[in-house]
Amino acid sequence: MYFVSELETAFQQNASTETAGPMEAYMKNNFPFFGIKTNQRREILKELWKIHKEEVNQKARTTGWELFSKKEREFHYCSIEILIKELKKNYVKEDIQLIEKMITTHSWWDSVDIIAKYLLGNYFIQFPEETKKVISKFSNSDNMWLNRSAILFQLDYKDKTDAQLLFSLSEQHKDSKEFFIQKAIGWALRDYSRFNPKGVMDFVMKTNLKPLSKREALRNL
C-alpha cells in the first residue's frame, strides 16, 4: 500500500529518540515510539491521507489493521483515527471482529478507551440489535480489556445511555481487583451522572463498590 509505506517513511524521517524515551516511559515501556508528538503526527497523517484519500477510503479496514499490526505506537493511533472517520455510519456487522481484535492487540488504556468509546460505541449505534450479544461476550470474557470496553462503550451516549445495562455491568465487575476495571466503573458512572445524578447516586449508595470506583463515580455529585 502506497499510503502505509509513505506514512512509515515520513515517521522514520521525523523520528526523535530524545522524545521517544519519555513517551515510552509514560506508557510503561509497553510499546516503542518514533518520538513524534501528537500534533506533528496528525499533520503528517493529514497530508498523506489527503494524497491517498481514495486508497484509504476503499481499503480502510485493511489499512487500519496493517497499521495497528505494526510495533510503533504512532501507527496504532493513526489506525484508530482513520477507522473512526472512515467507518462512521458505514459499518458492516462483521466489523465487530476487527474491533475486538484491536481491543485485544497491543492493549493499553490509551488505545482501548478510544476504540471502546468511538469504534465500539458507534458500531452499536448503527447495529443496536448486536449490543446485548456482544456486550455479554465482552463482559464475561477473561480478557480485562474487553471487560473495560463493555463498561465504557456508552461514554458518548449521554442521555441515551442504557442505564440498566451500565448498572448491571458495574454490579457484575464491582469486586474486580483490576485497577483499570475499578476506574472504568467510576468513570462510566460519573459520566452518566451528568444526565441522571439521582439514578447514579442511588445505585452507588446501594452497591458495595470498590473505594476507587465509588470515589470516581461521585466526584461531580
Protein backbone atom coordinates (compact mmCIF):
# COMPACT_ATOMS: atom_id res chain seq x y z
CA MET A 1 0.00 0.00 0.00
CA TYR A 2 1.43 3.34 -1.03
CA PHE A 3 -0.21 5.15 1.87
CA VAL A 4 1.19 2.88 4.57
CA SER A 5 4.70 2.81 3.13
CA GLU A 6 4.78 6.60 2.73
CA LEU A 7 3.49 7.09 6.26
CA GLU A 8 6.20 4.80 7.58
CA THR A 9 8.86 6.72 5.67
CA ALA A 10 7.57 10.04 6.99
CA PHE A 11 7.59 8.76 10.56
CA GLN A 12 11.13 7.45 10.20
CA GLN A 13 12.27 10.80 8.83
CA ASN A 14 10.68 12.67 11.74
CA ALA A 15 11.68 10.26 14.49
CA SER A 16 13.28 11.63 17.65
CA THR A 17 14.97 9.31 20.12
CA GLU A 18 15.07 12.19 22.60
CA THR A 19 11.28 12.46 22.55
CA ALA A 20 10.65 8.73 22.20
CA GLY A 21 12.21 7.88 25.58
CA PRO A 22 9.76 9.84 27.75
CA MET A 23 6.81 8.75 25.58
CA GLU A 24 7.75 5.10 26.04
CA ALA A 25 8.25 5.58 29.77
CA TYR A 26 4.81 7.20 30.10
CA MET A 27 3.29 4.11 28.51
CA LYS A 28 5.20 1.86 30.92
CA ASN A 29 7.54 0.79 28.08
CA ASN A 30 4.79 -1.36 26.58
CA PHE A 31 5.45 -0.02 23.08
CA PRO A 32 8.27 1.54 21.04
CA PHE A 33 7.66 5.07 19.78
CA PHE A 34 9.12 7.06 16.92
CA GLY A 35 9.01 10.04 19.26
CA ILE A 36 6.59 12.12 17.19
CA LYS A 37 4.28 14.31 19.24
CA THR A 38 0.55 14.26 18.66
CA ASN A 39 0.18 17.49 16.67
CA GLN A 40 3.05 16.67 14.34
CA ARG A 41 1.87 13.09 13.90
CA ARG A 42 -1.61 14.28 12.97
CA GLU A 43 -0.23 16.79 10.48
CA ILE A 44 1.82 14.08 8.78
CA LEU A 45 -1.20 11.77 8.72
CA LYS A 46 -3.50 14.51 7.41
CA GLU A 47 -1.24 15.36 4.47
CA LEU A 48 -0.71 11.77 3.36
CA TRP A 49 -4.35 10.86 3.96
CA LYS A 50 -5.34 13.72 1.65
CA ILE A 51 -2.98 12.49 -1.07
CA HIS A 52 -4.16 8.87 -0.77
CA LYS A 53 -7.78 9.63 0.11
CA GLU A 54 -9.27 7.14 -2.35
CA GLU A 55 -6.95 4.31 -1.34
CA VAL A 56 -7.61 4.82 2.38
CA ASN A 57 -11.36 5.07 1.82
CA GLN A 58 -11.58 1.93 -0.30
CA LYS A 59 -9.24 -0.10 1.90
CA ALA A 60 -9.99 1.40 5.31
CA ARG A 61 -10.23 -1.88 7.18
CA THR A 62 -7.10 -3.50 5.72
CA THR A 63 -5.20 -0.23 6.04
CA GLY A 64 -6.31 0.19 9.63
CA TRP A 65 -5.31 -3.33 10.59
CA GLU A 66 -1.98 -3.12 8.77
CA LEU A 67 -1.12 0.00 10.74
CA PHE A 68 -2.36 -1.46 14.01
CA SER A 69 -0.28 -4.60 13.48
CA LYS A 70 2.97 -2.60 13.41
CA LYS A 71 5.01 -2.22 16.55
CA GLU A 72 5.38 1.56 16.91
CA ARG A 73 2.60 3.22 18.88
CA GLU A 74 2.17 6.15 16.48
CA PHE A 75 0.90 3.68 13.86
CA HIS A 76 -1.75 2.44 16.28
CA TYR A 77 -3.02 5.96 16.90
CA CYS A 78 -3.24 6.62 13.16
CA SER A 79 -5.09 3.36 12.61
CA ILE A 80 -7.73 4.25 15.18
CA GLU A 81 -8.19 7.78 13.83
CA ILE A 82 -8.59 6.50 10.27
CA LEU A 83 -11.14 3.86 11.24
CA ILE A 84 -13.17 6.23 13.41
CA LYS A 85 -13.65 8.54 10.44
CA GLU A 86 -13.94 6.02 7.63
CA LEU A 87 -16.27 3.56 9.35
CA LYS A 88 -18.68 6.01 10.99
CA LYS A 89 -22.18 5.21 9.69
CA ASN A 90 -20.50 2.78 7.26
CA TYR A 91 -20.07 -0.25 9.49
CA VAL A 92 -20.91 -3.77 8.42
CA LYS A 93 -21.86 -6.31 11.07
CA GLU A 94 -18.61 -8.20 10.60
CA ASP A 95 -16.64 -5.13 11.75
CA ILE A 96 -17.12 -6.26 15.34
CA GLN A 97 -14.45 -8.89 14.65
CA LEU A 98 -11.95 -6.18 13.72
CA ILE A 99 -12.93 -4.07 16.71
CA GLU A 100 -12.49 -6.99 19.11
CA LYS A 101 -9.14 -7.85 17.56
CA MET A 102 -7.95 -4.26 18.03
CA ILE A 103 -9.09 -4.15 21.66
CA THR A 104 -7.13 -7.32 22.43
CA THR A 105 -4.00 -6.43 20.42
CA HIS A 106 -1.32 -4.04 21.74
CA SER A 107 -3.75 -3.41 24.59
CA TRP A 108 -3.33 -0.42 26.87
CA TRP A 109 -5.69 2.25 28.14
CA ASP A 110 -4.73 4.87 25.54
CA SER A 111 -5.89 2.70 22.64
CA VAL A 112 -8.63 0.65 24.28
CA ASP A 113 -10.53 3.64 25.66
CA ILE A 114 -10.73 5.38 22.28
CA ILE A 115 -11.67 2.16 20.49
CA ALA A 116 -14.36 1.46 23.08
CA LYS A 117 -15.88 4.94 23.01
CA TYR A 118 -15.76 5.65 19.29
CA LEU A 119 -15.42 2.43 17.29
CA LEU A 120 -17.42 0.10 19.53
CA GLY A 121 -19.83 2.79 20.65
CA ASN A 122 -20.58 3.93 17.10
CA TYR A 123 -20.89 0.34 15.91
CA PHE A 124 -23.73 -0.25 18.37
CA ILE A 125 -25.44 2.98 17.32
CA GLN A 126 -25.64 1.51 13.82
CA PHE A 127 -26.41 -2.03 14.99
CA PRO A 128 -28.21 -1.72 18.35
CA GLU A 129 -29.57 -5.24 17.99
CA GLU A 130 -26.00 -6.57 18.37
CA THR A 131 -25.39 -4.84 21.70
CA LYS A 132 -26.75 -7.47 24.09
CA LYS A 133 -24.93 -10.38 22.47
CA VAL A 134 -21.57 -8.67 22.04
CA ILE A 135 -21.51 -6.89 25.39
CA SER A 136 -22.41 -10.12 27.16
CA LYS A 137 -19.48 -11.81 25.43
CA PHE A 138 -17.09 -8.97 26.25
CA SER A 139 -18.23 -8.60 29.83
CA ASN A 140 -17.89 -12.31 30.54
CA SER A 141 -14.53 -12.63 28.81
CA ASP A 142 -11.32 -13.45 30.65
CA ASN A 143 -9.76 -10.50 28.82
CA MET A 144 -9.76 -7.47 31.10
CA TRP A 145 -9.66 -5.02 28.19
CA LEU A 146 -12.84 -6.47 26.71
CA ASN A 147 -14.45 -6.12 30.15
CA ARG A 148 -13.34 -2.48 30.31
CA SER A 149 -14.64 -1.81 26.80
CA ALA A 150 -18.05 -3.22 27.73
CA ILE A 151 -18.25 -0.79 30.64
CA LEU A 152 -17.05 2.24 28.68
CA PHE A 153 -18.66 1.97 25.26
CA GLN A 154 -21.60 4.22 26.23
CA LEU A 155 -19.40 7.18 27.22
CA ASP A 156 -20.64 9.27 24.30
CA TYR A 157 -24.29 8.24 24.62
CA LYS A 158 -25.27 11.00 27.08
CA ASP A 159 -28.99 10.86 27.88
CA LYS A 160 -29.41 7.87 25.54
CA THR A 161 -27.32 5.70 27.86
CA ASP A 162 -28.89 2.35 28.74
CA ALA A 163 -28.76 2.87 32.50
CA GLN A 164 -29.90 -0.65 33.30
CA LEU A 165 -27.05 -2.08 31.23
CA LEU A 166 -24.48 0.28 32.76
CA PHE A 167 -25.58 -0.53 36.30
CA SER A 168 -25.66 -4.24 35.53
CA LEU A 169 -22.11 -4.22 34.17
CA SER A 170 -20.90 -2.17 37.13
CA GLU A 171 -22.54 -4.64 39.50
CA GLN A 172 -21.01 -7.59 37.68
CA HIS A 173 -17.46 -6.24 37.96
CA LYS A 174 -17.69 -4.33 41.26
CA ASP A 175 -15.45 -6.82 43.09
CA SER A 176 -12.69 -6.77 40.49
CA LYS A 177 -9.21 -6.15 41.83
CA GLU A 178 -8.09 -4.73 38.50
CA PHE A 179 -7.31 -1.01 38.68
CA PHE A 180 -8.49 -0.49 35.10
CA ILE A 181 -11.86 -2.09 35.82
CA GLN A 182 -12.42 -0.18 39.06
CA LYS A 183 -11.50 3.06 37.27
CA ALA A 184 -13.75 2.26 34.30
CA ILE A 185 -16.77 1.70 36.54
CA GLY A 186 -16.24 5.01 38.29
CA TRP A 187 -15.60 6.87 35.05
CA ALA A 188 -18.69 5.48 33.29
CA LEU A 189 -20.93 6.22 36.27
CA ARG A 190 -19.52 9.73 36.68
CA ASP A 191 -20.07 10.45 33.00
CA TYR A 192 -23.68 9.28 33.20
CA SER A 193 -24.26 11.25 36.40
CA ARG A 194 -24.31 14.42 34.28
CA PHE A 195 -27.63 13.24 32.86
CA ASN A 196 -29.05 11.19 35.72
CA PRO A 197 -27.42 12.28 39.00
CA LYS A 198 -30.13 10.76 41.20
CA GLY A 199 -30.00 7.42 39.41
CA VAL A 200 -26.24 7.20 39.79
CA MET A 201 -26.33 8.32 43.41
CA ASP A 202 -28.98 5.74 44.26
CA PHE A 203 -27.02 2.98 42.53
CA VAL A 204 -23.75 3.87 44.23
CA MET A 205 -25.36 4.11 47.66
CA LYS A 206 -26.91 0.66 47.43
CA THR A 207 -23.95 -1.06 45.73
CA ASN A 208 -20.80 -2.09 47.52
CA LEU A 209 -18.36 -0.63 45.01
CA LYS A 210 -14.61 -0.59 45.47
CA PRO A 211 -13.42 2.73 47.01
CA LEU A 212 -11.82 3.85 43.73
CA SER A 213 -15.00 3.19 41.75
CA LYS A 214 -17.15 4.95 44.31
CA ARG A 215 -14.86 7.95 44.57
CA GLU A 216 -14.71 8.39 40.80
CA ALA A 217 -18.46 7.90 40.37
CA LEU A 218 -19.36 10.57 42.95
CA ARG A 219 -16.67 13.09 42.06
CA ASN A 220 -19.13 15.54 40.48
CA LEU A 221 -22.07 14.87 42.78
